[in-house]
């Protein structure tokens, strides 16, 4: 069973509640997907070769702060 957890991203009209779970992407060591519970937002982030997290897929419009918010909520990255 894959590890997934509830998370919240800051939207323009309030919090966007969803689930973050690990995902696989060719060419990336680590990647995570956020899917909002209301199905309005999908965001995939990955750790690039330079050691920085960035958006690789997702719905638009997109707020740049969401990548940082997601990384801060991934428990194993802060253990």
N, C-alpha and C. Protein backbone atom coordinates (compact mmCIF):
# COMPACT_ATOMS: atom_id res chain seq x y z
N UNK A 1 0.85 -1.19 0.00
CA UNK A 1 0.00 0.00 0.00
C UNK A 1 0.89 1.24 0.00
N UNK A 2 0.60 2.16 -0.89
CA UNK A 2 1.40 3.38 -0.95
C UNK A 2 1.02 4.33 0.16
N UNK A 3 2.00 5.09 0.61
CA UNK A 3 1.79 6.05 1.68
C UNK A 3 1.16 7.31 1.11
N UNK A 4 0.00 7.66 1.60
CA UNK A 4 -0.66 8.90 1.18
C UNK A 4 -1.17 9.60 2.43
N UNK A 5 -1.40 10.91 2.31
CA UNK A 5 -1.83 11.66 3.48
C UNK A 5 -2.60 12.90 3.05
N UNK A 6 -3.42 13.37 3.95
CA UNK A 6 -4.23 14.56 3.71
C UNK A 6 -3.34 15.79 3.80
N UNK A 7 -3.58 16.76 2.93
CA UNK A 7 -2.79 17.99 2.90
C UNK A 7 -3.68 19.16 2.49
N UNK A 8 -3.16 20.36 2.65
CA UNK A 8 -3.89 21.57 2.29
C UNK A 8 -2.94 22.54 1.60
N UNK A 9 -3.40 23.10 0.49
CA UNK A 9 -2.65 24.14 -0.21
C UNK A 9 -3.44 25.44 -0.12
N UNK A 10 -2.76 26.55 -0.11
CA UNK A 10 -3.42 27.85 0.01
C UNK A 10 -3.91 28.30 -1.36
N UNK A 11 -5.22 28.35 -1.52
CA UNK A 11 -5.81 28.81 -2.77
C UNK A 11 -6.16 30.27 -2.70
N UNK A 12 -6.55 30.84 -3.81
CA UNK A 12 -6.91 32.26 -3.85
C UNK A 12 -8.19 32.55 -3.08
N UNK A 13 -9.03 31.53 -2.92
CA UNK A 13 -10.30 31.72 -2.20
C UNK A 13 -10.36 30.92 -0.92
N UNK A 14 -9.22 30.47 -0.42
CA UNK A 14 -9.16 29.70 0.81
C UNK A 14 -8.40 28.41 0.60
N UNK A 15 -8.35 27.58 1.65
CA UNK A 15 -7.58 26.34 1.56
C UNK A 15 -8.16 25.36 0.55
N UNK A 16 -7.27 24.63 -0.11
CA UNK A 16 -7.65 23.56 -1.03
C UNK A 16 -7.19 22.26 -0.37
N UNK A 17 -8.15 21.44 0.05
CA UNK A 17 -7.86 20.20 0.78
C UNK A 17 -7.73 19.06 -0.22
N UNK A 18 -6.73 18.21 0.01
CA UNK A 18 -6.54 17.08 -0.89
C UNK A 18 -5.66 16.01 -0.30
N UNK A 19 -5.19 15.13 -1.17
CA UNK A 19 -4.34 14.01 -0.79
C UNK A 19 -3.03 14.11 -1.57
N UNK A 20 -1.92 13.93 -0.86
CA UNK A 20 -0.60 13.84 -1.49
C UNK A 20 -0.17 12.38 -1.44
N UNK A 21 0.32 11.89 -2.57
CA UNK A 21 0.85 10.53 -2.58
C UNK A 21 2.06 10.46 -3.51
N UNK A 22 2.96 9.53 -3.21
CA UNK A 22 4.12 9.37 -4.09
C UNK A 22 3.68 8.90 -5.47
N UNK A 23 4.43 9.28 -6.48
CA UNK A 23 4.14 8.83 -7.84
C UNK A 23 5.46 8.56 -8.54
N UNK A 24 5.41 7.85 -9.64
CA UNK A 24 6.62 7.54 -10.41
C UNK A 24 6.63 8.36 -11.69
N UNK A 25 7.79 8.94 -11.96
CA UNK A 25 8.00 9.67 -13.20
C UNK A 25 9.35 9.27 -13.77
N UNK A 26 9.40 8.95 -15.03
CA UNK A 26 10.67 8.62 -15.66
C UNK A 26 11.62 9.82 -15.57
N UNK A 27 12.85 9.54 -15.19
CA UNK A 27 13.85 10.59 -15.13
C UNK A 27 13.93 11.32 -13.80
N UNK A 28 13.07 10.96 -12.84
CA UNK A 28 13.07 11.62 -11.53
C UNK A 28 13.17 10.57 -10.44
N UNK A 29 13.94 10.89 -9.40
CA UNK A 29 14.07 9.99 -8.27
C UNK A 29 12.85 10.03 -7.37
N UNK A 30 12.37 11.22 -7.08
CA UNK A 30 11.21 11.38 -6.21
C UNK A 30 10.19 12.28 -6.88
N UNK A 31 8.93 11.92 -6.73
CA UNK A 31 7.84 12.74 -7.25
C UNK A 31 6.60 12.50 -6.40
N UNK A 32 5.78 13.52 -6.28
CA UNK A 32 4.54 13.44 -5.51
C UNK A 32 3.41 14.10 -6.28
N UNK A 33 2.20 13.59 -6.04
CA UNK A 33 1.01 14.11 -6.70
C UNK A 33 0.02 14.58 -5.65
N UNK A 34 -0.53 15.78 -5.86
CA UNK A 34 -1.59 16.32 -5.01
C UNK A 34 -2.87 16.30 -5.84
N UNK A 35 -3.92 15.71 -5.28
CA UNK A 35 -5.25 15.73 -5.90
C UNK A 35 -6.23 16.29 -4.89
N UNK A 36 -6.88 17.40 -5.24
CA UNK A 36 -7.85 18.00 -4.32
C UNK A 36 -9.07 17.10 -4.19
N UNK A 37 -9.70 17.15 -3.03
CA UNK A 37 -10.88 16.33 -2.78
C UNK A 37 -12.05 16.71 -3.69
N UNK A 38 -12.11 17.99 -4.09
CA UNK A 38 -13.19 18.44 -4.97
C UNK A 38 -12.83 18.31 -6.46
N UNK A 39 -11.65 17.72 -6.73
CA UNK A 39 -11.19 17.46 -8.10
C UNK A 39 -10.91 18.73 -8.91
N UNK A 40 -10.70 19.85 -8.22
CA UNK A 40 -10.44 21.11 -8.92
C UNK A 40 -8.96 21.36 -9.16
N UNK A 41 -8.09 20.65 -8.44
CA UNK A 41 -6.65 20.91 -8.54
C UNK A 41 -5.87 19.60 -8.53
N UNK A 42 -4.95 19.49 -9.46
CA UNK A 42 -4.01 18.37 -9.52
C UNK A 42 -2.64 18.99 -9.73
N UNK A 43 -1.67 18.51 -8.97
CA UNK A 43 -0.32 19.06 -9.07
C UNK A 43 0.69 17.94 -8.86
N UNK A 44 1.66 17.84 -9.75
CA UNK A 44 2.73 16.85 -9.63
C UNK A 44 4.04 17.62 -9.50
N UNK A 45 4.80 17.31 -8.44
CA UNK A 45 6.11 17.92 -8.24
C UNK A 45 7.17 16.82 -8.24
N UNK A 46 8.38 17.19 -8.62
CA UNK A 46 9.48 16.22 -8.65
C UNK A 46 10.77 16.91 -8.23
N UNK A 47 11.67 16.10 -7.69
CA UNK A 47 12.99 16.57 -7.31
C UNK A 47 13.89 16.49 -8.53
N UNK A 48 14.37 17.63 -8.98
CA UNK A 48 15.21 17.68 -10.17
C UNK A 48 16.65 17.30 -9.87
N UNK A 49 17.43 17.15 -10.91
CA UNK A 49 18.84 16.76 -10.78
C UNK A 49 19.65 17.80 -10.01
N UNK A 50 19.19 19.04 -10.02
CA UNK A 50 19.89 20.11 -9.31
C UNK A 50 19.53 20.14 -7.82
N UNK A 51 18.65 19.22 -7.39
CA UNK A 51 18.28 19.13 -5.98
C UNK A 51 17.15 20.05 -5.56
N UNK A 52 16.43 20.61 -6.52
CA UNK A 52 15.31 21.51 -6.21
C UNK A 52 14.01 20.88 -6.69
N UNK A 53 12.94 21.13 -5.92
CA UNK A 53 11.62 20.64 -6.28
C UNK A 53 10.98 21.60 -7.28
N UNK A 54 10.25 21.05 -8.26
CA UNK A 54 9.55 21.90 -9.21
C UNK A 54 8.30 21.18 -9.73
N UNK A 55 7.39 21.98 -10.27
CA UNK A 55 6.17 21.46 -10.86
C UNK A 55 6.51 20.79 -12.20
N UNK A 56 5.97 19.58 -12.41
CA UNK A 56 6.17 18.92 -13.69
C UNK A 56 4.85 18.68 -14.42
N UNK A 57 3.73 18.82 -13.71
CA UNK A 57 2.43 18.65 -14.34
C UNK A 57 1.37 19.20 -13.39
N UNK A 58 0.21 19.52 -13.92
CA UNK A 58 -0.88 19.96 -13.07
C UNK A 58 -1.83 20.89 -13.78
N UNK A 59 -2.89 21.21 -13.06
CA UNK A 59 -3.91 22.09 -13.59
C UNK A 59 -3.45 23.53 -13.55
N UNK A 60 -4.08 24.34 -14.34
CA UNK A 60 -3.84 25.79 -14.36
C UNK A 60 -5.14 26.47 -13.97
N UNK A 61 -5.12 27.62 -13.34
CA UNK A 61 -3.94 28.39 -12.99
C UNK A 61 -3.19 27.73 -11.85
N UNK A 62 -1.95 28.15 -11.69
CA UNK A 62 -1.02 27.54 -10.74
C UNK A 62 -0.37 28.63 -9.91
N UNK A 63 -0.31 28.42 -8.59
CA UNK A 63 0.36 29.37 -7.71
C UNK A 63 1.75 28.82 -7.37
N UNK A 64 2.80 29.61 -7.60
CA UNK A 64 4.17 29.16 -7.42
C UNK A 64 4.46 28.65 -6.01
N UNK A 65 3.81 29.17 -5.01
CA UNK A 65 4.04 28.76 -3.63
C UNK A 65 3.59 27.34 -3.32
N UNK A 66 2.79 26.76 -4.20
CA UNK A 66 2.27 25.41 -3.93
C UNK A 66 3.37 24.36 -3.85
N UNK A 67 4.41 24.48 -4.64
CA UNK A 67 5.49 23.49 -4.59
C UNK A 67 6.10 23.48 -3.19
N UNK A 68 6.42 24.65 -2.67
CA UNK A 68 6.99 24.76 -1.33
C UNK A 68 6.01 24.22 -0.28
N UNK A 69 4.73 24.58 -0.40
CA UNK A 69 3.74 24.09 0.55
C UNK A 69 3.65 22.57 0.54
N UNK A 70 3.70 21.97 -0.65
CA UNK A 70 3.65 20.51 -0.73
C UNK A 70 4.86 19.89 -0.06
N UNK A 71 6.05 20.38 -0.39
CA UNK A 71 7.29 19.80 0.17
C UNK A 71 7.26 19.89 1.69
N UNK A 72 6.78 21.00 2.24
CA UNK A 72 6.73 21.18 3.69
C UNK A 72 5.77 20.20 4.37
N UNK A 73 4.82 19.63 3.62
CA UNK A 73 3.84 18.73 4.20
C UNK A 73 4.15 17.24 3.98
N UNK A 74 5.24 16.93 3.31
CA UNK A 74 5.61 15.54 3.05
C UNK A 74 6.42 15.06 4.26
N UNK A 75 5.83 14.19 5.10
CA UNK A 75 6.47 13.81 6.36
C UNK A 75 7.87 13.22 6.23
N UNK A 76 8.11 12.33 5.30
CA UNK A 76 9.42 11.67 5.24
C UNK A 76 10.54 12.63 4.86
N UNK A 77 10.21 13.75 4.26
CA UNK A 77 11.23 14.74 3.91
C UNK A 77 11.67 15.54 5.13
N UNK A 78 10.90 15.47 6.20
CA UNK A 78 11.20 16.24 7.40
C UNK A 78 11.45 15.37 8.61
N UNK A 79 11.60 14.08 8.39
CA UNK A 79 11.83 13.15 9.51
C UNK A 79 13.27 13.20 9.98
